[in-house]
PDB file of N, CA and C in Angstrom:
ATOM      1  N   MET A   1     -36.997  60.109 -21.819  1.00  0.00           N
ATOM      2  CA  MET A   1     -36.931  60.486 -23.236  1.00  0.00           C
ATOM      3  C   MET A   1     -35.542  60.186 -23.747  1.00  0.00           C
ATOM      4  N   SER A   2     -35.426  59.643 -24.875  1.00  0.00           N
ATOM      5  CA  SER A   2     -34.133  59.294 -25.485  1.00  0.00           C
ATOM      6  C   SER A   2     -33.513  60.497 -26.270  1.00  0.00           C
ATOM      7  N   ALA A   3     -32.203  60.429 -26.482  1.00  0.00           N
ATOM      8  CA  ALA A   3     -31.560  61.487 -27.248  1.00  0.00           C
ATOM      9  C   ALA A   3     -31.966  61.393 -28.747  1.00  0.00           C
ATOM     10  N   PRO A   4     -31.951  62.491 -29.454  1.00  0.00           N
ATOM     11  CA  PRO A   4     -32.252  62.405 -30.880  1.00  0.00           C
ATOM     12  C   PRO A   4     -31.192  61.601 -31.607  1.00  0.00           C
ATOM     13  N   ARG A   5     -31.613  60.867 -32.668  1.00  0.00           N
ATOM     14  CA  ARG A   5     -30.702  60.021 -33.436  1.00  0.00           C
ATOM     15  C   ARG A   5     -29.847  60.934 -34.286  1.00  0.00           C
ATOM     16  N   ARG A   6     -28.568  60.691 -34.294  1.00  0.00           N
ATOM     17  CA  ARG A   6     -27.601  61.420 -35.163  1.00  0.00           C
ATOM     18  C   ARG A   6     -27.051  60.490 -36.223  1.00  0.00           C
ATOM     19  N   ASP A   7     -27.378  60.783 -37.451  1.00  0.00           N
ATOM     20  CA  ASP A   7     -26.864  59.962 -38.529  1.00  0.00           C
ATOM     21  C   ASP A   7     -25.584  60.573 -39.093  1.00  0.00           C
ATOM     22  N   LYS A   8     -24.677  59.717 -39.405  1.00  0.00           N
ATOM     23  CA  LYS A   8     -23.400  60.223 -40.040  1.00  0.00           C
ATOM     24  C   LYS A   8     -23.689  60.345 -41.550  1.00  0.00           C
ATOM     25  N   ILE A   9     -23.508  61.546 -42.055  1.00  0.00           N
ATOM     26  CA  ILE A   9     -23.789  61.783 -43.478  1.00  0.00           C
ATOM     27  C   ILE A   9     -22.421  61.819 -44.162  1.00  0.00           C
ATOM     28  N   PRO A  10     -22.329  61.025 -45.282  1.00  0.00           N
ATOM     29  CA  PRO A  10     -21.083  61.003 -46.006  1.00  0.00           C
ATOM     30  C   PRO A  10     -20.759  62.287 -46.711  1.00  0.00           C
ATOM     31  N   PRO A  11     -19.463  62.652 -46.924  1.00  0.00           N
ATOM     32  CA  PRO A  11     -19.138  63.898 -47.565  1.00  0.00           C
ATOM     33  C   PRO A  11     -19.724  64.068 -48.928  1.00  0.00           C
ATOM     34  N   SER A  12     -19.931  62.963 -49.647  1.00  0.00           N
ATOM     35  CA  SER A  12     -20.489  62.998 -51.012  1.00  0.00           C
ATOM     36  C   SER A  12     -21.938  62.552 -50.996  1.00  0.00           C
ATOM     37  N   ALA A  13     -22.687  63.059 -50.073  1.00  0.00           N
ATOM     38  CA  ALA A  13     -24.058  62.528 -49.880  1.00  0.00           C
ATOM     39  C   ALA A  13     -24.931  62.873 -51.072  1.00  0.00           C
ATOM     40  N   LEU A  14     -25.824  61.981 -51.401  1.00  0.00           N
ATOM     41  CA  LEU A  14     -26.841  62.207 -52.332  1.00  0.00           C
ATOM     42  C   LEU A  14     -28.101  62.787 -51.699  1.00  0.00           C
ATOM     43  N   VAL A  15     -28.595  63.882 -52.200  1.00  0.00           N
ATOM     44  CA  VAL A  15     -29.705  64.559 -51.577  1.00  0.00           C
ATOM     45  C   VAL A  15     -30.941  64.522 -52.569  1.00  0.00           C
ATOM     46  N   GLY A  16     -32.063  64.124 -52.056  1.00  0.00           N
ATOM     47  CA  GLY A  16     -33.276  64.093 -52.797  1.00  0.00           C
ATOM     48  C   GLY A  16     -34.134  65.263 -52.299  1.00  0.00           C
ATOM     49  N   VAL A  17     -34.810  65.992 -53.312  1.00  0.00           N
ATOM     50  CA  VAL A  17     -35.620  67.114 -52.955  1.00  0.00           C
ATOM     51  C   VAL A  17     -37.107  66.707 -52.997  1.00  0.00           C
ATOM     52  N   ILE A  18     -37.836  67.070 -51.941  1.00  0.00           N
ATOM     53  CA  ILE A  18     -39.310  66.838 -51.851  1.00  0.00           C
ATOM     54  C   ILE A  18     -39.974  68.173 -51.870  1.00  0.00           C
ATOM     55  N   ALA A  19     -40.683  68.421 -53.090  1.00  0.00           N
ATOM     56  CA  ALA A  19     -41.352  69.700 -53.212  1.00  0.00           C
ATOM     57  C   ALA A  19     -42.799  69.495 -53.710  1.00  0.00           C
ATOM     58  N   SER A  20     -43.357  68.292 -53.527  1.00  0.00           N
ATOM     59  CA  SER A  20     -44.727  68.082 -53.864  1.00  0.00           C
ATOM     60  C   SER A  20     -45.226  66.902 -52.997  1.00  0.00           C
ATOM     61  N   THR A  21     -46.534  66.763 -52.978  1.00  0.00           N
ATOM     62  CA  THR A  21     -47.106  65.628 -52.192  1.00  0.00           C
ATOM     63  C   THR A  21     -46.773  64.312 -52.891  1.00  0.00           C
ATOM     64  N   ASP A  22     -46.689  64.329 -54.269  1.00  0.00           N
ATOM     65  CA  ASP A  22     -46.353  63.103 -54.994  1.00  0.00           C
ATOM     66  C   ASP A  22     -44.896  62.657 -54.652  1.00  0.00           C
ATOM     67  N   GLU A  23     -43.973  63.679 -54.601  1.00  0.00           N
ATOM     68  CA  GLU A  23     -42.591  63.390 -54.274  1.00  0.00           C
ATOM     69  C   GLU A  23     -42.459  62.902 -52.816  1.00  0.00           C
ATOM     70  N   LEU A  24     -43.291  63.390 -51.935  1.00  0.00           N
ATOM     71  CA  LEU A  24     -43.291  62.999 -50.521  1.00  0.00           C
ATOM     72  C   LEU A  24     -43.710  61.512 -50.463  1.00  0.00           C
ATOM     73  N   ARG A  25     -44.734  61.158 -51.161  1.00  0.00           N
ATOM     74  CA  ARG A  25     -45.281  59.748 -51.193  1.00  0.00           C
ATOM     75  C   ARG A  25     -44.156  58.872 -51.795  1.00  0.00           C
ATOM     76  N   LEU A  26     -43.535  59.284 -52.850  1.00  0.00           N
ATOM     77  CA  LEU A  26     -42.425  58.509 -53.440  1.00  0.00           C
ATOM     78  C   LEU A  26     -41.267  58.279 -52.498  1.00  0.00           C
ATOM     79  N   ALA A  27     -40.914  59.355 -51.778  1.00  0.00           N
ATOM     80  CA  ALA A  27     -39.806  59.288 -50.828  1.00  0.00           C
ATOM     81  C   ALA A  27     -40.029  58.298 -49.696  1.00  0.00           C
ATOM     82  N   THR A  28     -41.252  58.120 -49.333  1.00  0.00           N
ATOM     83  CA  THR A  28     -41.573  57.123 -48.250  1.00  0.00           C
ATOM     84  C   THR A  28     -41.680  55.648 -48.804  1.00  0.00           C
ATOM     85  N   ARG A  29     -41.604  55.555 -50.104  1.00  0.00           N
ATOM     86  CA  ARG A  29     -41.706  54.187 -50.674  1.00  0.00           C
ATOM     87  C   ARG A  29     -40.464  53.698 -51.398  1.00  0.00           C
ATOM     88  N   MET A  30     -39.452  54.503 -51.380  1.00  0.00           N
ATOM     89  CA  MET A  30     -38.215  54.204 -52.125  1.00  0.00           C
ATOM     90  C   MET A  30     -37.533  53.012 -51.532  1.00  0.00           C
ATOM     91  N   ARG A  31     -37.102  52.070 -52.320  1.00  0.00           N
ATOM     92  CA  ARG A  31     -36.352  50.898 -51.787  1.00  0.00           C
ATOM     93  C   ARG A  31     -34.883  51.342 -51.385  1.00  0.00           C
ATOM     94  N   GLN A  32     -34.302  52.175 -52.226  1.00  0.00           N
ATOM     95  CA  GLN A  32     -32.938  52.712 -51.982  1.00  0.00           C
ATOM     96  C   GLN A  32     -33.003  54.251 -51.979  1.00  0.00           C
ATOM     97  N   PRO A  33     -33.465  54.857 -50.902  1.00  0.00           N
ATOM     98  CA  PRO A  33     -33.574  56.291 -50.906  1.00  0.00           C
ATOM     99  C   PRO A  33     -32.130  56.974 -50.821  1.00  0.00           C
ATOM    100  N   PRO A  34     -32.127  58.269 -51.181  1.00  0.00           N
ATOM    101  CA  PRO A  34     -30.830  58.963 -51.072  1.00  0.00           C
ATOM    102  C   PRO A  34     -30.343  59.028 -49.605  1.00  0.00           C
ATOM    103  N   ASP A  35     -29.175  59.629 -49.433  1.00  0.00           N
ATOM    104  CA  ASP A  35     -28.642  59.740 -48.090  1.00  0.00           C
ATOM    105  C   ASP A  35     -29.496  60.627 -47.166  1.00  0.00           C
ATOM    106  N   LEU A  36     -30.054  61.712 -47.768  1.00  0.00           N
ATOM    107  CA  LEU A  36     -30.919  62.616 -46.972  1.00  0.00           C
ATOM    108  C   LEU A  36     -31.875  63.298 -47.967  1.00  0.00           C
ATOM    109  N   PHE A  37     -32.864  63.946 -47.445  1.00  0.00           N
ATOM    110  CA  PHE A  37     -33.794  64.717 -48.229  1.00  0.00           C
ATOM    111  C   PHE A  37     -33.884  66.172 -47.861  1.00  0.00           C
ATOM    112  N   GLU A  38     -34.081  67.026 -48.814  1.00  0.00           N
ATOM    113  CA  GLU A  38     -34.391  68.420 -48.578  1.00  0.00           C
ATOM    114  C   GLU A  38     -35.917  68.562 -48.708  1.00  0.00           C
ATOM    115  N   LEU A  39     -36.559  69.054 -47.711  1.00  0.00           N
ATOM    116  CA  LEU A  39     -38.007  69.191 -47.690  1.00  0.00           C
ATOM    117  C   LEU A  39     -38.360  70.676 -47.887  1.00  0.00           C
ATOM    118  N   ARG A  40     -38.986  70.974 -49.026  1.00  0.00           N
ATOM    119  CA  ARG A  40     -39.243  72.394 -49.373  1.00  0.00           C
ATOM    120  C   ARG A  40     -40.600  72.735 -48.833  1.00  0.00           C
ATOM    121  N   LEU A  41     -40.639  73.392 -47.660  1.00  0.00           N
ATOM    122  CA  LEU A  41     -41.856  73.783 -47.042  1.00  0.00           C
ATOM    123  C   LEU A  41     -42.708  74.791 -47.815  1.00  0.00           C
ATOM    124  N   ASP A  42     -41.983  75.622 -48.572  1.00  0.00           N
ATOM    125  CA  ASP A  42     -42.764  76.607 -49.383  1.00  0.00           C
ATOM    126  C   ASP A  42     -43.522  75.991 -50.483  1.00  0.00           C
ATOM    127  N   HIS A  43     -43.292  74.735 -50.791  1.00  0.00           N
ATOM    128  CA  HIS A  43     -44.103  73.992 -51.817  1.00  0.00           C
ATOM    129  C   HIS A  43     -45.141  73.093 -51.158  1.00  0.00           C
ATOM    130  N   LEU A  44     -45.083  72.892 -49.854  1.00  0.00           N
ATOM    131  CA  LEU A  44     -45.889  71.907 -49.172  1.00  0.00           C
ATOM    132  C   LEU A  44     -46.642  72.622 -48.025  1.00  0.00           C
ATOM    133  N   ALA A  45     -47.544  73.470 -48.458  1.00  0.00           N
ATOM    134  CA  ALA A  45     -48.335  74.291 -47.446  1.00  0.00           C
ATOM    135  C   ALA A  45     -49.149  73.504 -46.511  1.00  0.00           C
ATOM    136  N   ASN A  46     -49.695  72.327 -46.996  1.00  0.00           N
ATOM    137  CA  ASN A  46     -50.587  71.575 -46.153  1.00  0.00           C
ATOM    138  C   ASN A  46     -49.952  70.284 -45.555  1.00  0.00           C
ATOM    139  N   LEU A  47     -48.697  70.383 -45.397  1.00  0.00           N
ATOM    140  CA  LEU A  47     -47.895  69.229 -44.860  1.00  0.00           C
ATOM    141  C   LEU A  47     -48.341  68.911 -43.388  1.00  0.00           C
ATOM    142  N   GLN A  48     -48.561  67.687 -43.098  1.00  0.00           N
ATOM    143  CA  GLN A  48     -48.870  67.307 -41.766  1.00  0.00           C
ATOM    144  C   GLN A  48     -47.674  66.634 -41.049  1.00  0.00           C
ATOM    145  N   GLU A  49     -47.458  66.947 -39.856  1.00  0.00           N
ATOM    146  CA  GLU A  49     -46.258  66.411 -39.169  1.00  0.00           C
ATOM    147  C   GLU A  49     -46.190  64.867 -39.244  1.00  0.00           C
ATOM    148  N   SER A  50     -47.277  64.178 -39.199  1.00  0.00           N
ATOM    149  CA  SER A  50     -47.291  62.720 -39.219  1.00  0.00           C
ATOM    150  C   SER A  50     -46.715  62.198 -40.458  1.00  0.00           C
ATOM    151  N   GLN A  51     -46.771  62.955 -41.569  1.00  0.00           N
ATOM    152  CA  GLN A  51     -46.158  62.535 -42.821  1.00  0.00           C
ATOM    153  C   GLN A  51     -44.665  62.473 -42.754  1.00  0.00           C
ATOM    154  N   LEU A  52     -44.064  63.271 -41.942  1.00  0.00           N
ATOM    155  CA  LEU A  52     -42.592  63.356 -41.869  1.00  0.00           C
ATOM    156  C   LEU A  52     -42.028  62.055 -41.224  1.00  0.00           C
ATOM    157  N   PHE A  53     -42.762  61.378 -40.392  1.00  0.00           N
ATOM    158  CA  PHE A  53     -42.266  60.236 -39.646  1.00  0.00           C
ATOM    159  C   PHE A  53     -42.073  59.027 -40.532  1.00  0.00           C
ATOM    160  N   ARG A  54     -42.609  59.104 -41.727  1.00  0.00           N
ATOM    161  CA  ARG A  54     -42.497  57.990 -42.672  1.00  0.00           C
ATOM    162  C   ARG A  54     -41.249  58.068 -43.451  1.00  0.00           C
ATOM    163  N   ILE A  55     -40.528  59.207 -43.479  1.00  0.00           N
ATOM    164  CA  ILE A  55     -39.303  59.341 -44.170  1.00  0.00           C
ATOM    165  C   ILE A  55     -38.164  58.760 -43.332  1.00  0.00           C
ATOM    166  N   ARG A  56     -37.436  57.844 -43.895  1.00  0.00           N
ATOM    167  CA  ARG A  56     -36.420  57.054 -43.124  1.00  0.00           C
ATOM    168  C   ARG A  56     -35.023  57.621 -43.368  1.00  0.00           C
ATOM    169  N   ARG A  57     -34.928  58.885 -43.655  1.00  0.00           N
ATOM    170  CA  ARG A  57     -33.603  59.478 -43.852  1.00  0.00           C
ATOM    171  C   ARG A  57     -33.616  60.844 -43.130  1.00  0.00           C
ATOM    172  N   PRO A  58     -32.377  61.377 -42.856  1.00  0.00           N
ATOM    173  CA  PRO A  58     -32.304  62.774 -42.311  1.00  0.00           C
ATOM    174  C   PRO A  58     -32.926  63.791 -43.210  1.00  0.00           C
ATOM    175  N   LEU A  59     -33.408  64.823 -42.643  1.00  0.00           N
ATOM    176  CA  LEU A  59     -34.088  65.908 -43.427  1.00  0.00           C
ATOM    177  C   LEU A  59     -33.334  67.232 -43.239  1.00  0.00           C
ATOM    178  N   ILE A  60     -33.292  67.998 -44.390  1.00  0.00           N
ATOM    179  CA  ILE A  60     -32.937  69.369 -44.351  1.00  0.00           C
ATOM    180  C   ILE A  60     -34.293  70.096 -44.689  1.00  0.00           C
ATOM    181  N   ILE A  61     -34.745  70.965 -43.839  1.00  0.00           N
ATOM    182  CA  ILE A  61     -36.026  71.596 -44.070  1.00  0.00           C
ATOM    183  C   ILE A  61     -35.757  73.063 -44.469  1.00  0.00           C
ATOM    184  N   THR A  62     -36.281  73.413 -45.690  1.00  0.00           N
ATOM    185  CA  THR A  62     -36.063  74.815 -46.151  1.00  0.00           C
ATOM    186  C   THR A  62     -37.401  75.411 -46.505  1.00  0.00           C
ATOM    187  N   ALA A  63     -37.470  76.684 -46.384  1.00  0.00           N
ATOM    188  CA  ALA A  63     -38.697  77.495 -46.798  1.00  0.00           C
ATOM    189  C   ALA A  63     -38.123  78.770 -47.452  1.00  0.00           C
ATOM    190  N   ARG A  64     -37.998  78.688 -48.758  1.00  0.00           N
ATOM    191  CA  ARG A  64     -37.357  79.733 -49.494  1.00  0.00           C
ATOM    192  C   ARG A  64     -38.244  80.941 -49.698  1.00  0.00           C
ATOM    193  N   HIS A  65     -37.811  82.140 -49.636  1.00  0.00           N
ATOM    194  CA  HIS A  65     -38.553  83.344 -49.942  1.00  0.00           C
ATOM    195  C   HIS A  65     -38.759  83.414 -51.436  1.00  0.00           C
ATOM    196  N   THR A  66     -39.822  84.115 -51.882  1.00  0.00           N
ATOM    197  CA  THR A  66     -40.104  84.154 -53.363  1.00  0.00           C
ATOM    198  C   THR A  66     -38.944  84.869 -54.113  1.00  0.00           C
ATOM    199  N   VAL A  67     -38.212  85.751 -53.463  1.00  0.00           N
ATOM    200  CA  VAL A  67     -37.051  86.357 -54.158  1.00  0.00           C
ATOM    201  C   VAL A  67     -35.964  85.357 -54.427  1.00  0.00           C
ATOM    202  N   GLU A  68     -35.948  84.300 -53.655  1.00  0.00           N
ATOM    203  CA  GLU A  68     -34.956  83.200 -53.876  1.00  0.00           C
ATOM    204  C   GLU A  68     -35.471  82.090 -54.720  1.00  0.00           C
ATOM    205  N   GLY A  69     -36.731  82.266 -55.330  1.00  0.00           N
ATOM    206  CA  GLY A  69     -37.288  81.209 -56.118  1.00  0.00           C
ATOM    207  C   GLY A  69     -38.203  80.338 -55.387  1.00  0.00           C
ATOM    208  N   GLY A  70     -38.635  80.747 -54.181  1.00  0.00           N
ATOM    209  CA  GLY A  70     -39.600  79.949 -53.425  1.00  0.00           C
ATOM    210  C   GLY A  70     -41.003  80.192 -53.903  1.00  0.00           C
ATOM    211  N   LYS A  71     -41.879  79.285 -53.567  1.00  0.00           N
ATOM    212  CA  LYS A  71     -43.294  79.434 -53.963  1.00  0.00           C
ATOM    213  C   LYS A  71     -44.056  80.179 -52.876  1.00  0.00           C
ATOM    214  N   ARG A  72     -44.880  81.048 -53.304  1.00  0.00           N
ATOM    215  CA  ARG A  72     -45.679  81.876 -52.342  1.00  0.00           C
ATOM    216  C   ARG A  72     -46.828  81.013 -51.856  1.00  0.00           C
ATOM    217  N   CYS A  73     -46.923  80.851 -50.529  1.00  0.00           N
ATOM    218  CA  CYS A  73     -48.007  80.097 -49.881  1.00  0.00           C
ATOM    219  C   CYS A  73     -48.880  81.044 -49.097  1.00  0.00           C
ATOM    220  N   ASP A  74     -50.026  81.236 -49.578  1.00  0.00           N
ATOM    221  CA  ASP A  74     -50.965  82.130 -48.824  1.00  0.00           C
ATOM    222  C   ASP A  74     -51.919  81.384 -47.961  1.00  0.00           C
TER     223      ASP A  74
END
């Protein structure tokens, strides 16, 4: 097994937010994607792991509580 890939992220990195399936689809097709993506799990309740492998940038994965403005996923 190989070691996980470690990307160097610039200090002024551009971050794209993925909070819908449409945004996820767009992120996988961008010609010039941002430096990294924030993936909002609280907005993507039915996300499948295989969808993540199509994103060609590092990910920050967040799941915000409703008190912090997150979406309630039942």
